[in-house]
Amino acid sequence: MFRVWSLLMGYVFGNFLTAELVSRRIAGKSSFERGSGNPGMANIAAQDGANSAAFVLAGDLLKTFLPCLLCRMVLFPEAGAAAAAYAGLGAILGHNFPVWHHFKGGKGVACTCAALISISLGYGLLACLIGGIGVLVSHYLSIGAVLIPAAFLLPAFCFCEKEIGIVTMIIALIMLQRNMTGLKNLLTGTEPKKYLLKKLKNNRQNID
């Protein structure tokens, strides 16, 4: 029964799109109507800058960590990491397919990072690091997004419960599906590159 309740709790939290709050607060428009139309950190960063993007990132991480930790440590401590895995999956589904927006949402990269870290702090951080390196080396956000859950799969099956490995595989498939357009564009040479280090350097120079 903990699976259903963890999944539902995560989904409810995931439906809160931080990018929508930030976009409407700053521009008075929905994030779905601006830039790429994606209610996520990357779109807000392109439209409103690094500070707004940081707020979106913090909100997306928080809305995933909260249900994961509540389910794992308070509501279903006997289920342990499995409760966090289902809550994390629910948060990702809520972010990607929010019921209030006809199931059209974001890509869930930040939510995926938080979910994996909630399952296993060490392996989750390692997976995020691998994904980050993938972006810095390739300059493609879709590469990093897919690498994060993929890097978590092996330790999930080897060092966690088999059920957690299966949930992680579902998360990896969701991430692949949400980034399929970007990966196809990459193959055709039409996917734009993101030079994150250069952008951060320029932001620091502007601040100074």
C-alpha atoms as a PDB file:
ATOM      1  CA  MET A   1       0.000   0.000   0.000  1.00  0.00           C
ATOM      2  CA  PHE A   2       2.940   2.352   0.633  1.00  0.00           C
ATOM      3  CA  ARG A   3       3.653   2.291  -3.100  1.00  0.00           C
ATOM      4  CA  VAL A   4       0.295   3.835  -4.012  1.00  0.00           C
ATOM      5  CA  TRP A   5       0.369   6.481  -1.305  1.00  0.00           C
ATOM      6  CA  SER A   6       3.999   7.410  -1.978  1.00  0.00           C
ATOM      7  CA  LEU A   7       3.302   7.704  -5.687  1.00  0.00           C
ATOM      8  CA  LEU A   8       0.208   9.848  -5.088  1.00  0.00           C
ATOM      9  CA  MET A   9       1.928  12.120  -2.590  1.00  0.00           C
ATOM     10  CA  GLY A  10       4.817  12.674  -4.974  1.00  0.00           C
ATOM     11  CA  TYR A  11       2.433  13.390  -7.842  1.00  0.00           C
ATOM     12  CA  VAL A  12       0.535  16.025  -5.858  1.00  0.00           C
ATOM     13  CA  PHE A  13       3.769  17.817  -4.935  1.00  0.00           C
ATOM     14  CA  GLY A  14       5.077  17.499  -8.487  1.00  0.00           C
ATOM     15  CA  ASN A  15       2.064  19.339  -9.904  1.00  0.00           C
ATOM     16  CA  PHE A  16       3.409  22.575  -8.399  1.00  0.00           C
ATOM     17  CA  LEU A  17       5.432  24.103 -11.250  1.00  0.00           C
ATOM     18  CA  THR A  18       7.893  26.591  -9.795  1.00  0.00           C
ATOM     19  CA  ALA A  19       8.634  27.997 -13.251  1.00  0.00           C
ATOM     20  CA  GLU A  20       4.997  29.056 -13.553  1.00  0.00           C
ATOM     21  CA  LEU A  21       5.169  30.996 -10.292  1.00  0.00           C
ATOM     22  CA  VAL A  22       8.404  32.728 -11.280  1.00  0.00           C
ATOM     23  CA  SER A  23       7.279  33.494 -14.825  1.00  0.00           C
ATOM     24  CA  ARG A  24       3.954  34.972 -13.785  1.00  0.00           C
ATOM     25  CA  ARG A  25       5.608  36.935 -11.000  1.00  0.00           C
ATOM     26  CA  ILE A  26       8.285  38.461 -13.218  1.00  0.00           C
ATOM     27  CA  ALA A  27       6.709  38.678 -16.664  1.00  0.00           C
ATOM     28  CA  GLY A  28       3.009  38.334 -15.922  1.00  0.00           C
ATOM     29  CA  LYS A  29       2.831  35.469 -18.417  1.00  0.00           C
ATOM     30  CA  SER A  30       2.724  31.705 -18.221  1.00  0.00           C
ATOM     31  CA  SER A  31       6.015  29.879 -18.755  1.00  0.00           C
ATOM     32  CA  PHE A  32       4.178  27.836 -21.381  1.00  0.00           C
ATOM     33  CA  GLU A  33       3.803  31.022 -23.442  1.00  0.00           C
ATOM     34  CA  ARG A  34       7.440  32.107 -23.280  1.00  0.00           C
ATOM     35  CA  GLY A  35      10.628  30.911 -24.949  1.00  0.00           C
ATOM     36  CA  SER A  36      10.646  27.163 -25.499  1.00  0.00           C
ATOM     37  CA  GLY A  37       7.330  26.813 -23.671  1.00  0.00           C
ATOM     38  CA  ASN A  38       8.895  24.421 -21.175  1.00  0.00           C
ATOM     39  CA  PRO A  39       8.066  25.109 -17.497  1.00  0.00           C
ATOM     40  CA  GLY A  40      11.580  24.434 -16.293  1.00  0.00           C
ATOM     41  CA  MET A  41      14.833  25.999 -15.192  1.00  0.00           C
ATOM     42  CA  ALA A  42      16.482  26.188 -18.630  1.00  0.00           C
ATOM     43  CA  ASN A  43      13.619  28.142 -20.159  1.00  0.00           C
ATOM     44  CA  ILE A  44      13.414  30.551 -17.241  1.00  0.00           C
ATOM     45  CA  ALA A  45      17.196  31.031 -17.342  1.00  0.00           C
ATOM     46  CA  ALA A  46      16.983  31.980 -21.019  1.00  0.00           C
ATOM     47  CA  GLN A  47      14.100  34.379 -20.414  1.00  0.00           C
ATOM     48  CA  ASP A  48      14.809  35.893 -16.999  1.00  0.00           C
ATOM     49  CA  GLY A  49      18.412  35.149 -16.055  1.00  0.00           C
ATOM     50  CA  ALA A  50      20.358  33.084 -13.543  1.00  0.00           C
ATOM     51  CA  ASN A  51      18.717  34.350 -10.358  1.00  0.00           C
ATOM     52  CA  SER A  52      15.232  33.373 -11.529  1.00  0.00           C
ATOM     53  CA  ALA A  53      16.556  30.031 -12.752  1.00  0.00           C
ATOM     54  CA  ALA A  54      18.097  29.357  -9.333  1.00  0.00           C
ATOM     55  CA  PHE A  55      14.730  29.961  -7.697  1.00  0.00           C
ATOM     56  CA  VAL A  56      13.074  27.504 -10.103  1.00  0.00           C
ATOM     57  CA  LEU A  57      15.773  24.924  -9.431  1.00  0.00           C
ATOM     58  CA  ALA A  58      15.372  25.292  -5.661  1.00  0.00           C
ATOM     59  CA  GLY A  59      11.608  24.932  -5.907  1.00  0.00           C
ATOM     60  CA  ASP A  60      11.754  21.852  -8.134  1.00  0.00           C
ATOM     61  CA  LEU A  61      14.295  20.187  -5.853  1.00  0.00           C
ATOM     62  CA  LEU A  62      12.275  21.017  -2.746  1.00  0.00           C
ATOM     63  CA  LYS A  63       8.973  19.723  -4.129  1.00  0.00           C
ATOM     64  CA  THR A  64      10.681  16.377  -4.810  1.00  0.00           C
ATOM     65  CA  PHE A  65      12.755  16.090  -1.645  1.00  0.00           C
ATOM     66  CA  LEU A  66       9.756  16.798   0.612  1.00  0.00           C
ATOM     67  CA  PRO A  67       7.515  13.868  -0.412  1.00  0.00           C
ATOM     68  CA  CYS A  68      10.510  11.541  -0.722  1.00  0.00           C
ATOM     69  CA  LEU A  69      11.752  12.276   2.786  1.00  0.00           C
ATOM     70  CA  LEU A  70       8.239  12.298   4.284  1.00  0.00           C
ATOM     71  CA  CYS A  71       7.466   8.891   2.827  1.00  0.00           C
ATOM     72  CA  ARG A  72      10.850   7.385   3.632  1.00  0.00           C
ATOM     73  CA  MET A  73      11.350   8.722   7.146  1.00  0.00           C
ATOM     74  CA  VAL A  74       7.899   9.561   8.539  1.00  0.00           C
ATOM     75  CA  LEU A  75       5.029   7.748   6.812  1.00  0.00           C
ATOM     76  CA  PHE A  76       6.615   4.487   5.656  1.00  0.00           C
ATOM     77  CA  PRO A  77       9.973   4.066   7.418  1.00  0.00           C
ATOM     78  CA  GLU A  78       9.682   0.286   7.127  1.00  0.00           C
ATOM     79  CA  ALA A  79       9.783   0.606   3.311  1.00  0.00           C
ATOM     80  CA  GLY A  80      12.963   2.675   3.418  1.00  0.00           C
ATOM     81  CA  ALA A  81      14.452   3.733   0.087  1.00  0.00           C
ATOM     82  CA  ALA A  82      11.613   2.079  -1.835  1.00  0.00           C
ATOM     83  CA  ALA A  83       9.158   4.635  -0.423  1.00  0.00           C
ATOM     84  CA  ALA A  84      11.453   7.453  -1.583  1.00  0.00           C
ATOM     85  CA  ALA A  85      11.723   5.843  -5.017  1.00  0.00           C
ATOM     86  CA  TYR A  86       7.953   5.769  -5.534  1.00  0.00           C
ATOM     87  CA  ALA A  87       7.494   9.282  -4.151  1.00  0.00           C
ATOM     88  CA  GLY A  88      10.261  10.510  -6.452  1.00  0.00           C
ATOM     89  CA  LEU A  89       8.656   8.814  -9.435  1.00  0.00           C
ATOM     90  CA  GLY A  90       5.359  10.447  -8.492  1.00  0.00           C
ATOM     91  CA  ALA A  91       6.979  13.898  -8.291  1.00  0.00           C
ATOM     92  CA  ILE A  92       8.551  13.422 -11.722  1.00  0.00           C
ATOM     93  CA  LEU A  93       5.209  12.348 -13.191  1.00  0.00           C
ATOM     94  CA  GLY A  94       3.479  15.316 -11.540  1.00  0.00           C
ATOM     95  CA  HIS A  95       6.017  17.745 -12.983  1.00  0.00           C
ATOM     96  CA  ASN A  96       6.033  16.197 -16.451  1.00  0.00           C
ATOM     97  CA  PHE A  97       2.303  15.480 -16.670  1.00  0.00           C
ATOM     98  CA  PRO A  98       0.442  17.921 -14.363  1.00  0.00           C
ATOM     99  CA  VAL A  99      -3.268  17.215 -14.222  1.00  0.00           C
ATOM    100  CA  TRP A 100      -4.186  20.911 -14.093  1.00  0.00           C
ATOM    101  CA  HIS A 101      -2.418  21.605 -17.415  1.00  0.00           C
ATOM    102  CA  HIS A 102      -3.895  18.705 -19.397  1.00  0.00           C
ATOM    103  CA  PHE A 103      -0.867  16.534 -18.528  1.00  0.00           C
ATOM    104  CA  LYS A 104       1.564  18.803 -20.423  1.00  0.00           C
ATOM    105  CA  GLY A 105       4.512  19.792 -18.247  1.00  0.00           C
ATOM    106  CA  GLY A 106       8.287  19.951 -18.096  1.00  0.00           C
ATOM    107  CA  LYS A 107      11.111  17.480 -18.574  1.00  0.00           C
ATOM    108  CA  GLY A 108      11.757  16.775 -14.903  1.00  0.00           C
ATOM    109  CA  VAL A 109      15.565  16.921 -14.806  1.00  0.00           C
ATOM    110  CA  ALA A 110      15.788  18.622 -11.401  1.00  0.00           C
ATOM    111  CA  CYS A 111      13.063  16.355 -10.023  1.00  0.00           C
ATOM    112  CA  THR A 112      14.953  13.312 -11.277  1.00  0.00           C
ATOM    113  CA  CYS A 113      18.153  14.486  -9.580  1.00  0.00           C
ATOM    114  CA  ALA A 114      16.346  15.009  -6.275  1.00  0.00           C
ATOM    115  CA  ALA A 115      14.578  11.648  -6.525  1.00  0.00           C
ATOM    116  CA  LEU A 116      17.822   9.734  -7.113  1.00  0.00           C
ATOM    117  CA  ILE A 117      19.600  11.556  -4.286  1.00  0.00           C
ATOM    118  CA  SER A 118      16.669  10.723  -1.989  1.00  0.00           C
ATOM    119  CA  ILE A 119      17.051   7.046  -2.831  1.00  0.00           C
ATOM    120  CA  SER A 120      20.825   6.990  -2.362  1.00  0.00           C
ATOM    121  CA  LEU A 121      22.785  10.116  -1.456  1.00  0.00           C
ATOM    122  CA  GLY A 122      26.144   8.865  -2.727  1.00  0.00           C
ATOM    123  CA  TYR A 123      25.070   7.197  -5.955  1.00  0.00           C
ATOM    124  CA  GLY A 124      22.542   9.952  -6.632  1.00  0.00           C
ATOM    125  CA  LEU A 125      25.170  12.675  -6.390  1.00  0.00           C
ATOM    126  CA  LEU A 126      27.524  10.619  -8.549  1.00  0.00           C
ATOM    127  CA  ALA A 127      24.843  10.220 -11.225  1.00  0.00           C
ATOM    128  CA  CYS A 128      24.190  13.979 -11.187  1.00  0.00           C
ATOM    129  CA  LEU A 129      27.928  14.632 -11.490  1.00  0.00           C
ATOM    130  CA  ILE A 130      28.181  12.315 -14.492  1.00  0.00           C
ATOM    131  CA  GLY A 131      25.218  14.055 -16.123  1.00  0.00           C
ATOM    132  CA  GLY A 132      26.758  17.465 -15.439  1.00  0.00           C
ATOM    133  CA  ILE A 133      30.065  16.404 -16.974  1.00  0.00           C
ATOM    134  CA  GLY A 134      28.142  15.080 -19.975  1.00  0.00           C
ATOM    135  CA  VAL A 135      26.621  18.526 -20.529  1.00  0.00           C
ATOM    136  CA  LEU A 136      29.945  20.358 -20.082  1.00  0.00           C
ATOM    137  CA  VAL A 137      31.724  18.036 -22.520  1.00  0.00           C
ATOM    138  CA  SER A 138      29.002  17.735 -25.174  1.00  0.00           C
ATOM    139  CA  HIS A 139      27.284  21.122 -24.621  1.00  0.00           C
ATOM    140  CA  TYR A 140      23.928  19.399 -25.058  1.00  0.00           C
ATOM    141  CA  LEU A 141      21.402  19.487 -22.203  1.00  0.00           C
ATOM    142  CA  SER A 142      19.584  16.399 -23.510  1.00  0.00           C
ATOM    143  CA  ILE A 143      22.772  14.311 -23.196  1.00  0.00           C
ATOM    144  CA  GLY A 144      23.166  15.195 -19.530  1.00  0.00           C
ATOM    145  CA  ALA A 145      19.475  14.680 -18.816  1.00  0.00           C
ATOM    146  CA  VAL A 146      19.526  11.129 -20.154  1.00  0.00           C
ATOM    147  CA  LEU A 147      22.882  10.293 -18.548  1.00  0.00           C
ATOM    148  CA  ILE A 148      21.714  11.089 -15.005  1.00  0.00           C
ATOM    149  CA  PRO A 149      19.202   8.215 -14.519  1.00  0.00           C
ATOM    150  CA  ALA A 150      21.226   5.937 -16.812  1.00  0.00           C
ATOM    151  CA  ALA A 151      24.264   6.313 -14.552  1.00  0.00           C
ATOM    152  CA  PHE A 152      22.113   5.400 -11.541  1.00  0.00           C
ATOM    153  CA  LEU A 153      20.779   2.177 -13.068  1.00  0.00           C
ATOM    154  CA  LEU A 154      23.785  -0.077 -12.402  1.00  0.00           C
ATOM    155  CA  PRO A 155      24.189   0.769  -8.688  1.00  0.00           C
ATOM    156  CA  ALA A 156      20.398   0.654  -8.287  1.00  0.00           C
ATOM    157  CA  PHE A 157      20.235  -2.950  -9.467  1.00  0.00           C
ATOM    158  CA  CYS A 158      23.527  -4.019  -7.859  1.00  0.00           C
ATOM    159  CA  PHE A 159      23.371  -2.336  -4.457  1.00  0.00           C
ATOM    160  CA  CYS A 160      19.685  -1.557  -3.901  1.00  0.00           C
ATOM    161  CA  GLU A 161      16.535  -3.641  -3.953  1.00  0.00           C
ATOM    162  CA  LYS A 162      15.485  -5.018  -7.335  1.00  0.00           C
ATOM    163  CA  GLU A 163      12.246  -3.049  -7.042  1.00  0.00           C
ATOM    164  CA  ILE A 164      14.205   0.197  -6.741  1.00  0.00           C
ATOM    165  CA  GLY A 165      16.131  -0.760  -9.860  1.00  0.00           C
ATOM    166  CA  ILE A 166      12.856  -1.231 -11.732  1.00  0.00           C
ATOM    167  CA  VAL A 167      11.534   2.143 -10.563  1.00  0.00           C
ATOM    168  CA  THR A 168      14.823   3.743 -11.632  1.00  0.00           C
ATOM    169  CA  MET A 169      14.472   2.118 -15.053  1.00  0.00           C
ATOM    170  CA  ILE A 170      11.009   3.663 -15.388  1.00  0.00           C
ATOM    171  CA  ILE A 171      12.485   7.061 -14.469  1.00  0.00           C
ATOM    172  CA  ALA A 172      15.225   6.574 -17.085  1.00  0.00           C
ATOM    173  CA  LEU A 173      12.637   5.721 -19.744  1.00  0.00           C
ATOM    174  CA  ILE A 174      10.574   8.796 -18.835  1.00  0.00           C
ATOM    175  CA  MET A 175      13.668  10.974 -19.151  1.00  0.00           C
ATOM    176  CA  LEU A 176      14.490   9.410 -22.509  1.00  0.00           C
ATOM    177  CA  GLN A 177      10.960  10.064 -23.753  1.00  0.00           C
ATOM    178  CA  ARG A 178      10.978  13.688 -22.591  1.00  0.00           C
ATOM    179  CA  ASN A 179      14.291  14.355 -24.312  1.00  0.00           C
ATOM    180  CA  MET A 180      13.663  12.369 -27.488  1.00  0.00           C
ATOM    181  CA  THR A 181      13.137  15.498 -29.591  1.00  0.00           C
ATOM    182  CA  GLY A 182      16.446  16.949 -28.440  1.00  0.00           C
ATOM    183  CA  LEU A 183      18.273  13.690 -29.139  1.00  0.00           C
ATOM    184  CA  LYS A 184      16.774  13.477 -32.643  1.00  0.00           C
ATOM    185  CA  ASN A 185      17.779  17.079 -33.304  1.00  0.00           C
ATOM    186  CA  LEU A 186      21.264  16.224 -32.097  1.00  0.00           C
ATOM    187  CA  LEU A 187      21.538  13.487 -34.727  1.00  0.00           C
ATOM    188  CA  THR A 188      20.419  15.859 -37.465  1.00  0.00           C
ATOM    189  CA  GLY A 189      22.698  18.643 -36.250  1.00  0.00           C
ATOM    190  CA  THR A 190      19.866  21.037 -35.414  1.00  0.00           C
ATOM    191  CA  GLU A 191      20.066  20.910 -31.611  1.00  0.00           C
ATOM    192  CA  PRO A 192      21.560  24.152 -30.205  1.00  0.00           C
ATOM    193  CA  LYS A 193      24.593  23.836 -27.959  1.00  0.00           C
ATOM    194  CA  LYS A 194      24.647  25.313 -24.451  1.00  0.00           C
ATOM    195  CA  TYR A 195      27.980  26.717 -23.290  1.00  0.00           C
ATOM    196  CA  LEU A 196      27.228  26.806 -19.571  1.00  0.00           C
ATOM    197  CA  LEU A 197      30.696  27.705 -18.299  1.00  0.00           C
ATOM    198  CA  LYS A 198      30.939  30.586 -20.751  1.00  0.00           C
ATOM    199  CA  LYS A 199      27.496  31.793 -19.722  1.00  0.00           C
ATOM    200  CA  LEU A 200      28.391  31.644 -16.022  1.00  0.00           C
ATOM    201  CA  LYS A 201      31.594  33.568 -16.720  1.00  0.00           C
ATOM    202  CA  ASN A 202      29.670  36.265 -18.569  1.00  0.00           C
ATOM    203  CA  ASN A 203      27.137  36.494 -15.717  1.00  0.00           C
ATOM    204  CA  ARG A 204      29.949  37.008 -13.192  1.00  0.00           C
ATOM    205  CA  GLN A 205      31.491  39.721 -15.339  1.00  0.00           C
ATOM    206  CA  ASN A 206      28.149  41.479 -15.584  1.00  0.00           C
ATOM    207  CA  ILE A 207      27.750  41.315 -11.792  1.00  0.00           C
ATOM    208  CA  ASP A 208      31.250  42.710 -11.247  1.00  0.00           C
END
